[in-house]
């Protein structure tokens, strides 16, 4: 729905850039999770 509203207003979405940044965030989250496993 958000994409439809933006398209109606002539605003483009950078899906490829979004996916790249999301994957980078997932990797940071994995690293943080794994770093915390040994400290409990």
N, C-alpha and C. Protein backbone atom coordinates (compact mmCIF):
# COMPACT_ATOMS: atom_id res chain seq x y z
N UNK A 1 0.83 -1.19 0.00
CA UNK A 1 0.00 0.00 0.00
C UNK A 1 0.88 1.26 0.00
N UNK A 2 1.94 1.26 0.79
CA UNK A 2 2.83 2.41 0.83
C UNK A 2 3.41 2.70 -0.55
N UNK A 3 3.82 1.64 -1.24
CA UNK A 3 4.39 1.81 -2.58
C UNK A 3 3.37 2.43 -3.52
N UNK A 4 2.12 2.04 -3.40
CA UNK A 4 1.08 2.58 -4.26
C UNK A 4 0.89 4.08 -4.00
N UNK A 5 0.87 4.46 -2.76
CA UNK A 5 0.70 5.87 -2.41
C UNK A 5 1.87 6.69 -2.94
N UNK A 6 3.08 6.19 -2.74
CA UNK A 6 4.25 6.91 -3.24
C UNK A 6 4.24 7.01 -4.76
N UNK A 7 3.85 5.94 -5.43
CA UNK A 7 3.78 5.96 -6.89
C UNK A 7 2.77 7.00 -7.37
N UNK A 8 1.65 7.11 -6.67
CA UNK A 8 0.64 8.11 -7.03
C UNK A 8 1.20 9.52 -6.91
N UNK A 9 2.13 9.70 -5.99
CA UNK A 9 2.72 11.03 -5.75
C UNK A 9 4.00 11.24 -6.55
N UNK A 10 4.35 10.25 -7.38
CA UNK A 10 5.53 10.39 -8.23
C UNK A 10 6.85 10.17 -7.51
N UNK A 11 6.82 9.44 -6.41
CA UNK A 11 8.03 9.18 -5.63
C UNK A 11 8.47 7.75 -5.89
N UNK A 12 9.74 7.59 -6.26
CA UNK A 12 10.29 6.26 -6.53
C UNK A 12 10.83 5.62 -5.26
N UNK A 13 10.85 4.30 -5.26
CA UNK A 13 11.38 3.53 -4.14
C UNK A 13 12.62 2.79 -4.62
N UNK A 14 13.67 2.85 -3.83
CA UNK A 14 14.91 2.15 -4.15
C UNK A 14 14.89 0.77 -3.49
N UNK A 15 14.18 -0.17 -4.12
CA UNK A 15 14.04 -1.51 -3.55
C UNK A 15 15.39 -2.19 -3.40
N UNK A 16 16.24 -2.06 -4.40
CA UNK A 16 17.55 -2.71 -4.37
C UNK A 16 18.39 -2.16 -3.22
N UNK A 17 18.40 -0.86 -3.05
CA UNK A 17 19.14 -0.24 -1.96
C UNK A 17 18.57 -0.64 -0.61
N UNK A 18 17.25 -0.71 -0.53
CA UNK A 18 16.61 -1.13 0.72
C UNK A 18 17.03 -2.54 1.09
N UNK A 19 16.98 -3.44 0.13
CA UNK A 19 17.36 -4.84 0.41
C UNK A 19 18.82 -4.95 0.82
N UNK A 20 19.69 -4.17 0.19
CA UNK A 20 21.10 -4.18 0.56
C UNK A 20 21.29 -3.73 2.00
N UNK A 21 20.65 -2.64 2.37
CA UNK A 21 20.77 -2.14 3.74
C UNK A 21 20.14 -3.10 4.75
N UNK A 22 19.04 -3.73 4.39
CA UNK A 22 18.42 -4.71 5.30
C UNK A 22 19.33 -5.90 5.53
N UNK A 23 20.00 -6.37 4.49
CA UNK A 23 20.91 -7.49 4.65
C UNK A 23 22.09 -7.10 5.54
N UNK A 24 22.58 -5.88 5.37
CA UNK A 24 23.67 -5.41 6.24
C UNK A 24 23.22 -5.37 7.69
N UNK A 25 21.99 -4.93 7.93
CA UNK A 25 21.46 -4.88 9.30
C UNK A 25 21.27 -6.28 9.86
N UNK A 26 20.80 -7.21 9.03
CA UNK A 26 20.65 -8.59 9.50
C UNK A 26 21.99 -9.16 9.94
N UNK A 27 23.02 -8.86 9.17
CA UNK A 27 24.36 -9.36 9.51
C UNK A 27 24.83 -8.75 10.82
N UNK A 28 24.60 -7.46 11.03
CA UNK A 28 24.99 -6.83 12.30
C UNK A 28 24.22 -7.46 13.46
N UNK A 29 22.95 -7.75 13.25
CA UNK A 29 22.14 -8.37 14.30
C UNK A 29 22.66 -9.77 14.63
N UNK A 30 23.03 -10.54 13.59
CA UNK A 30 23.60 -11.87 13.83
C UNK A 30 24.89 -11.77 14.63
N UNK A 31 25.73 -10.84 14.26
CA UNK A 31 27.01 -10.68 14.96
C UNK A 31 26.79 -10.29 16.41
N UNK A 32 25.85 -9.40 16.67
CA UNK A 32 25.55 -8.98 18.03
C UNK A 32 24.99 -10.15 18.84
N UNK A 33 24.12 -10.92 18.21
CA UNK A 33 23.53 -12.09 18.88
C UNK A 33 24.61 -13.09 19.22
N UNK A 34 25.48 -13.38 18.26
CA UNK A 34 26.53 -14.36 18.46
C UNK A 34 27.55 -13.89 19.49
N UNK A 35 27.83 -12.60 19.53
CA UNK A 35 28.79 -12.05 20.50
C UNK A 35 28.25 -12.17 21.92
N UNK A 36 26.96 -12.13 22.08
CA UNK A 36 26.35 -12.20 23.41
C UNK A 36 26.15 -13.60 23.93
N UNK A 37 26.32 -14.61 23.10
CA UNK A 37 26.06 -15.99 23.53
C UNK A 37 27.01 -16.45 24.63
N UNK A 38 28.25 -16.05 24.57
CA UNK A 38 29.24 -16.53 25.55
C UNK A 38 29.24 -15.81 26.87
N UNK A 39 28.50 -14.71 26.99
CA UNK A 39 28.59 -13.90 28.19
C UNK A 39 27.50 -14.18 29.22
N UNK A 40 26.62 -15.12 28.97
CA UNK A 40 25.50 -15.36 29.88
C UNK A 40 25.84 -16.22 31.03
